[in-house]
Amino acid sequence: MSLREMLFAARVGAIVLALASPLGAATDKSSQPIPCDDIDSIGKAKMSADGTITLQLRSLWPDPIAESELVFTPDDPQYEEIKHHLGGITPGESKQVPPWCGLNSEP
């Protein structure tokens, strides 16, 4: 499963939980989702000395709060895609993770 597919599955799961809760039925304008293009970051990325990239991600409002940690070692098939999405990252560096907007978006 690709990272985009994992993030999509997590978001769908959060939406299902939101719809199942009594608060999920509220539809006032203050509960409308924020457009993806308006989001600067969905979490934090850090590269360790051995090149491992750890992503600490969080769900976006108004979905229920959910956090996840994903770890990508240099031999992971998605490693280069993650580095590219982050705009590059070096050992010891931490940076914000931009959202994946759309299915075929470029970072």
Protein backbone atom coordinates (compact mmCIF):
# COMPACT_ATOMS: atom_id res chain seq x y z
CA MET A 1 0.00 0.00 0.00
CA SER A 2 1.44 3.38 -0.98
CA LEU A 3 1.73 6.26 1.48
CA ARG A 4 -1.04 8.11 -0.34
CA GLU A 5 -3.27 5.05 -0.02
CA MET A 6 -2.43 4.76 3.71
CA LEU A 7 -3.20 8.44 4.31
CA PHE A 8 -6.42 8.15 2.30
CA ALA A 9 -7.47 5.05 4.27
CA ALA A 10 -6.74 6.84 7.56
CA ARG A 11 -8.75 9.87 6.46
CA VAL A 12 -11.67 7.70 5.33
CA GLY A 13 -11.57 5.90 8.69
CA ALA A 14 -11.64 9.23 10.52
CA ILE A 15 -14.59 10.40 8.41
CA VAL A 16 -16.49 7.18 9.16
CA LEU A 17 -15.86 7.70 12.89
CA ALA A 18 -16.99 11.32 12.65
CA LEU A 19 -20.19 10.35 10.87
CA ALA A 20 -20.89 7.63 13.42
CA SER A 21 -20.63 10.04 16.35
CA PRO A 22 -23.52 12.30 17.42
CA LEU A 23 -21.36 15.37 16.77
CA GLY A 24 -20.72 14.20 13.20
CA ALA A 25 -24.30 15.10 12.32
CA ALA A 26 -23.70 18.83 12.88
CA THR A 27 -23.42 20.67 9.57
CA ASP A 28 -22.91 24.32 10.47
CA LYS A 29 -20.37 26.35 8.50
CA SER A 30 -17.86 26.31 11.36
CA SER A 31 -17.53 22.52 10.99
CA GLN A 32 -16.70 22.52 7.29
CA PRO A 33 -13.31 21.04 6.34
CA ILE A 34 -10.44 23.35 5.51
CA PRO A 35 -9.37 23.03 1.83
CA CYS A 36 -6.16 21.02 1.45
CA ASP A 37 -4.40 23.87 -0.36
CA ASP A 38 -4.88 26.04 2.76
CA ILE A 39 -2.98 23.59 5.01
CA ASP A 40 0.72 24.26 5.54
CA SER A 41 1.57 21.09 7.45
CA ILE A 42 0.10 17.75 8.51
CA GLY A 43 2.93 16.92 10.86
CA LYS A 44 6.66 16.72 11.34
CA ALA A 45 9.42 14.74 9.63
CA LYS A 46 12.84 13.95 11.05
CA MET A 47 15.77 12.13 9.52
CA SER A 48 18.02 10.21 11.90
CA ALA A 49 21.78 9.79 11.48
CA ASP A 50 21.29 6.46 9.66
CA GLY A 51 18.95 8.11 7.11
CA THR A 52 15.69 6.76 8.56
CA ILE A 53 12.81 9.19 8.05
CA THR A 54 10.14 9.32 10.76
CA LEU A 55 6.87 11.09 10.00
CA GLN A 56 4.64 12.16 12.90
CA LEU A 57 1.31 12.91 11.23
CA ARG A 58 -2.01 14.19 12.53
CA SER A 59 -5.52 14.28 11.11
CA LEU A 60 -6.99 17.51 9.85
CA TRP A 61 -9.86 19.42 11.43
CA PRO A 62 -12.83 18.81 11.65
CA ASP A 63 -12.09 15.07 11.71
CA PRO A 64 -11.55 13.40 15.07
CA ILE A 65 -8.03 13.97 16.33
CA ALA A 66 -5.79 11.10 15.28
CA GLU A 67 -2.02 10.84 15.20
CA SER A 68 0.25 8.34 13.53
CA GLU A 69 3.95 7.69 13.24
CA LEU A 70 5.35 6.22 10.02
CA VAL A 71 8.98 5.13 9.69
CA PHE A 72 10.81 4.79 6.35
CA THR A 73 14.27 3.24 6.20
CA PRO A 74 16.55 3.89 3.21
CA ASP A 75 15.69 0.45 1.76
CA ASP A 76 11.91 1.11 1.89
CA PRO A 77 10.34 1.26 -1.60
CA GLN A 78 8.60 4.58 -0.70
CA TYR A 79 11.70 6.21 0.78
CA GLU A 80 12.58 8.33 -2.26
CA GLU A 81 8.95 9.40 -2.73
CA ILE A 82 8.88 10.62 0.88
CA LYS A 83 12.18 12.51 0.50
CA HIS A 84 10.87 14.10 -2.70
CA HIS A 85 7.59 15.11 -1.06
CA LEU A 86 9.50 16.74 1.79
CA GLY A 87 11.60 18.71 -0.69
CA GLY A 88 14.69 16.85 0.50
CA ILE A 89 15.87 16.20 4.03
CA THR A 90 19.29 15.50 5.55
CA PRO A 91 20.44 13.52 8.62
CA GLY A 92 19.59 15.40 11.82
CA GLU A 93 17.13 17.69 10.04
CA SER A 94 13.47 18.15 11.05
CA LYS A 95 10.87 19.81 8.89
CA GLN A 96 7.14 20.22 8.42
CA VAL A 97 5.26 17.71 6.26
CA PRO A 98 3.10 19.34 3.58
CA PRO A 99 -0.25 17.66 2.85
CA TRP A 100 -0.75 15.37 -0.12
CA CYS A 101 -3.36 17.36 -2.07
CA GLY A 102 -5.12 15.42 -4.81
CA LEU A 103 -4.20 12.01 -6.15
CA ASN A 104 -1.64 13.15 -8.73
CA SER A 105 -0.26 16.26 -7.04
CA GLU A 106 3.38 17.17 -7.09
CA PRO A 107 4.93 18.43 -3.86
